[in-house]
Amino acid sequence: MTASTQFTRDEIETGRRLFTGGWQFASAAGSPASLPPMRGVEIALAGRSNVGKSSLLNALTGQKSLARTSRTPGRTQELIFFTGGEGLTLVDMPGYGYAAAAKAKIAAWTELIHAYLRGRANLARIYVLVDARHGLKETDAPMLDALGGVAVSHQIVLTKSDELKAAELGQRIAEVEAALTKRPAAFPKVLATSAHDGTGVPELRAAIARLLKERRR
């Protein structure tokens, strides 16, 4: 099943409307004590450093500079909260797997992320971003292990999928989904996206809109 066949036209349109306008920076948290009060529903983007979290967040909201983008790995060192319509908050999480960062900084990021995962009752899903060119790496394992140990829904989203040919992308999706069979807590289907050409962005918006609908039932 491809990403484009998972959602109806109505769901795609609902997702488009959900992300139309009104997005703004809300707050940043560099420690567990500085996490903002819970409000509405939160969706978080996680992934290795430089995987394209900020670029995808910008593509989702249709705002080119809402989230800072950088070619320097490890630049996002806090949890960054952005608020939009219908009580939805998007969270840009610190990138992981950046070996050149100081050990103390990596430990602080790890403590912050784990505190966030354990204590956020309004967190509907974590989207774990994986570079389509490389697939899952050993550096993804600690995050997936942590997510498997807490009651937080999570799903893999491939980024930069425009840089692979269709057959290569299909193979990569199959590889990742096969690996996820060993992680029963993970959502079994993978979404493929590209912030560069917009591939998969409508489907990701629709997936988030579907989550909001399910949470409100």
Protein backbone atom coordinates (compact mmCIF):
# COMPACT_ATOMS: atom_id res chain seq x y z
CA MET A 1 0.00 0.00 0.00
CA THR A 2 1.42 3.38 -0.94
CA ALA A 3 1.00 6.54 1.09
CA SER A 4 -1.35 8.03 -1.49
CA THR A 5 -3.89 5.19 -1.17
CA GLN A 6 -4.25 5.35 2.59
CA PHE A 7 -6.46 8.43 2.68
CA THR A 8 -9.69 9.57 1.05
CA ARG A 9 -10.05 12.85 -0.83
CA ASP A 10 -12.03 14.21 2.12
CA GLU A 11 -9.21 13.33 4.51
CA ILE A 12 -6.65 14.99 2.23
CA GLU A 13 -8.79 18.14 2.14
CA THR A 14 -9.31 18.08 5.91
CA GLY A 15 -5.56 17.83 6.36
CA ARG A 16 -4.98 20.74 3.99
CA ARG A 17 -7.42 22.96 5.91
CA LEU A 18 -5.87 21.95 9.24
CA PHE A 19 -2.51 23.35 8.18
CA THR A 20 -3.76 26.49 6.45
CA GLY A 21 -2.31 29.63 8.02
CA GLY A 22 -2.01 30.77 11.60
CA TRP A 23 1.09 28.80 12.60
CA GLN A 24 3.50 30.49 14.97
CA PHE A 25 6.34 29.83 17.36
CA ALA A 26 4.94 29.25 20.86
CA SER A 27 7.83 28.29 23.15
CA ALA A 28 11.11 26.43 23.53
CA ALA A 29 12.12 24.04 26.28
CA GLY A 30 15.73 23.21 27.03
CA SER A 31 15.04 21.24 30.21
CA PRO A 32 12.19 19.20 31.68
CA ALA A 33 11.37 22.05 34.07
CA SER A 34 10.81 24.46 31.18
CA LEU A 35 8.26 22.33 29.30
CA PRO A 36 5.14 24.43 28.62
CA PRO A 37 1.73 23.51 30.09
CA MET A 38 -0.13 20.90 28.10
CA ARG A 39 -2.83 22.21 25.78
CA GLY A 40 -4.79 20.61 22.97
CA VAL A 41 -3.09 17.84 21.01
CA GLU A 42 0.64 17.59 20.30
CA ILE A 43 2.38 15.91 17.37
CA ALA A 44 6.18 15.66 17.52
CA LEU A 45 8.84 15.19 14.85
CA ALA A 46 11.93 13.24 15.89
CA GLY A 47 14.92 12.00 13.92
CA ARG A 48 18.67 11.94 13.45
CA SER A 49 20.47 15.24 13.22
CA ASN A 50 20.11 16.83 9.79
CA VAL A 51 17.38 14.39 8.68
CA GLY A 52 15.15 17.28 7.65
CA LYS A 53 12.75 17.82 10.57
CA SER A 54 12.63 21.60 10.26
CA SER A 55 12.26 21.46 6.47
CA LEU A 56 9.34 19.02 6.74
CA LEU A 57 7.69 21.11 9.44
CA ASN A 58 7.93 24.14 7.16
CA ALA A 59 6.45 22.14 4.29
CA LEU A 60 3.57 20.92 6.45
CA THR A 61 2.61 24.43 7.52
CA GLY A 62 3.33 26.07 4.19
CA GLN A 63 5.64 28.58 5.89
CA LYS A 64 9.18 28.64 4.54
CA SER A 65 10.83 29.96 7.68
CA LEU A 66 8.60 28.87 10.58
CA ALA A 67 11.23 26.40 11.77
CA ARG A 68 14.91 27.16 11.37
CA THR A 69 16.77 24.95 8.94
CA SER A 70 20.49 24.39 8.99
CA ARG A 71 23.11 22.23 7.35
CA THR A 72 24.86 22.07 10.73
CA PRO A 73 23.91 18.85 12.58
CA GLY A 74 22.72 19.29 16.15
CA ARG A 75 21.56 22.88 15.78
CA THR A 76 18.13 22.24 17.32
CA GLN A 77 19.03 21.82 20.99
CA GLU A 78 15.60 22.33 22.52
CA LEU A 79 12.05 21.14 22.09
CA ILE A 80 10.46 23.81 19.89
CA PHE A 81 6.68 24.21 20.10
CA PHE A 82 4.57 25.69 17.28
CA THR A 83 0.83 26.29 17.60
CA GLY A 84 -1.82 26.34 14.89
CA GLY A 85 -5.54 25.95 14.48
CA GLU A 86 -7.91 23.48 16.14
CA GLY A 87 -5.74 23.22 19.27
CA LEU A 88 -2.89 21.45 17.46
CA THR A 89 0.75 21.91 18.49
CA LEU A 90 3.72 20.69 16.46
CA VAL A 91 6.95 19.93 18.29
CA ASP A 92 10.40 19.94 16.69
CA MET A 93 12.57 17.65 18.82
CA PRO A 94 16.39 17.83 19.16
CA GLY A 95 18.17 15.70 16.58
CA TYR A 96 19.88 12.61 17.91
CA GLY A 97 22.90 10.60 16.80
CA TYR A 98 25.23 13.57 16.39
CA ALA A 99 28.47 12.10 17.69
CA ALA A 100 30.43 15.37 17.52
CA ALA A 101 28.29 17.00 20.22
CA ALA A 102 29.71 17.18 23.74
CA LYS A 103 28.75 14.22 25.91
CA ALA A 104 27.18 16.53 28.49
CA LYS A 105 25.01 18.11 25.80
CA ILE A 106 23.95 14.70 24.46
CA ALA A 107 23.06 13.60 28.00
CA ALA A 108 20.97 16.74 28.51
CA TRP A 109 19.12 16.22 25.21
CA THR A 110 18.47 12.59 26.14
CA GLU A 111 17.10 13.51 29.56
CA LEU A 112 14.86 16.17 28.04
CA ILE A 113 13.46 13.84 25.36
CA HIS A 114 12.79 11.01 27.81
CA ALA A 115 11.08 13.38 30.27
CA TYR A 116 8.91 14.68 27.45
CA LEU A 117 7.94 11.19 26.29
CA ARG A 118 7.08 10.01 29.79
CA GLY A 119 5.04 12.97 30.93
CA ARG A 120 3.07 14.30 27.95
CA ALA A 121 -0.48 12.96 28.15
CA ASN A 122 -1.62 15.08 25.18
CA LEU A 123 1.09 13.71 22.85
CA ALA A 124 -0.85 11.90 20.11
CA ARG A 125 2.03 10.63 17.99
CA ILE A 126 5.75 10.87 17.37
CA TYR A 127 6.76 10.83 13.72
CA VAL A 128 10.30 9.45 13.52
CA LEU A 129 11.94 10.87 10.41
CA VAL A 130 14.38 8.68 8.51
CA ASP A 131 16.43 9.73 5.47
CA ALA A 132 15.08 7.68 2.56
CA ARG A 133 18.55 7.49 1.03
CA HIS A 134 19.96 5.62 4.02
CA GLY A 135 17.06 3.89 5.78
CA LEU A 136 17.12 2.93 9.44
CA LYS A 137 20.49 3.27 11.15
CA GLU A 138 21.88 2.04 14.47
CA THR A 139 21.50 5.59 15.80
CA ASP A 140 17.71 5.28 15.37
CA ALA A 141 17.53 2.27 17.68
CA PRO A 142 17.71 4.12 21.04
CA MET A 143 14.83 6.42 20.08
CA LEU A 144 12.71 3.52 18.80
CA ASP A 145 13.57 1.54 21.95
CA ALA A 146 12.47 4.48 24.11
CA LEU A 147 9.23 4.88 22.17
CA GLY A 148 8.56 1.16 22.47
CA GLY A 149 8.87 1.47 26.25
CA VAL A 150 6.28 4.23 26.65
CA ALA A 151 2.65 4.47 25.64
CA VAL A 152 3.23 6.88 22.76
CA SER A 153 2.09 6.08 19.24
CA HIS A 154 4.90 6.42 16.70
CA GLN A 155 5.37 6.04 12.96
CA ILE A 156 8.29 6.21 10.54
CA VAL A 157 8.28 8.98 7.93
CA LEU A 158 10.89 8.86 5.17
CA THR A 159 12.34 12.23 4.16
CA LYS A 160 14.14 13.28 0.97
CA SER A 161 12.28 10.60 -0.97
CA ASP A 162 12.57 12.66 -4.16
CA GLU A 163 16.25 11.70 -4.27
CA LEU A 164 15.41 8.04 -4.95
CA LYS A 165 13.96 6.48 -8.08
CA ALA A 166 10.50 4.96 -7.68
CA ALA A 167 11.79 1.38 -7.55
CA GLU A 168 14.47 2.29 -5.02
CA LEU A 169 11.94 4.10 -2.85
CA GLY A 170 9.57 1.14 -2.95
CA GLN A 171 12.41 -1.14 -1.86
CA ARG A 172 13.36 1.23 0.96
CA ILE A 173 9.77 1.37 2.23
CA ALA A 174 9.61 -2.45 2.16
CA GLU A 175 12.91 -2.71 4.06
CA VAL A 176 11.80 -0.32 6.79
CA GLU A 177 8.38 -1.92 7.16
CA ALA A 178 10.05 -5.34 7.44
CA ALA A 179 12.29 -4.01 10.23
CA LEU A 180 9.23 -2.63 12.03
CA THR A 181 7.72 -6.11 12.33
CA LYS A 182 10.23 -6.59 15.15
CA ARG A 183 8.87 -3.46 16.85
CA PRO A 184 5.19 -4.16 17.56
CA ALA A 185 4.67 -0.78 19.25
CA ALA A 186 5.44 1.05 16.00
CA PHE A 187 2.78 1.87 13.41
CA PRO A 188 3.41 -0.74 10.67
CA LYS A 189 3.04 1.49 7.60
CA VAL A 190 5.68 3.99 6.44
CA LEU A 191 4.96 7.37 4.88
CA ALA A 192 7.36 8.74 2.25
CA THR A 193 7.78 12.50 1.95
CA SER A 194 9.87 15.21 0.35
CA ALA A 195 9.98 18.76 1.65
CA HIS A 196 11.67 19.70 -1.64
CA ASP A 197 8.86 18.77 -4.05
CA GLY A 198 5.95 18.20 -1.64
CA THR A 199 5.68 14.45 -2.15
CA GLY A 200 3.72 12.82 0.68
CA VAL A 201 3.07 16.08 2.52
CA PRO A 202 -0.72 16.03 1.85
CA GLU A 203 -0.84 12.45 3.13
CA LEU A 204 1.07 13.33 6.30
CA ARG A 205 -1.30 16.23 6.92
CA ALA A 206 -4.23 13.84 6.41
CA ALA A 207 -2.71 11.35 8.86
CA ILE A 208 -2.44 14.07 11.51
CA ALA A 209 -6.01 15.22 10.84
CA ARG A 210 -7.19 11.62 11.24
CA LEU A 211 -5.38 11.40 14.58
CA LEU A 212 -7.10 14.54 15.82
CA LYS A 213 -10.48 13.16 14.81
CA GLU A 214 -9.80 9.88 16.62
CA ARG A 215 -8.63 11.69 19.79
CA ARG A 216 -11.85 13.68 19.92
CA ARG A 217 -14.22 10.73 19.65
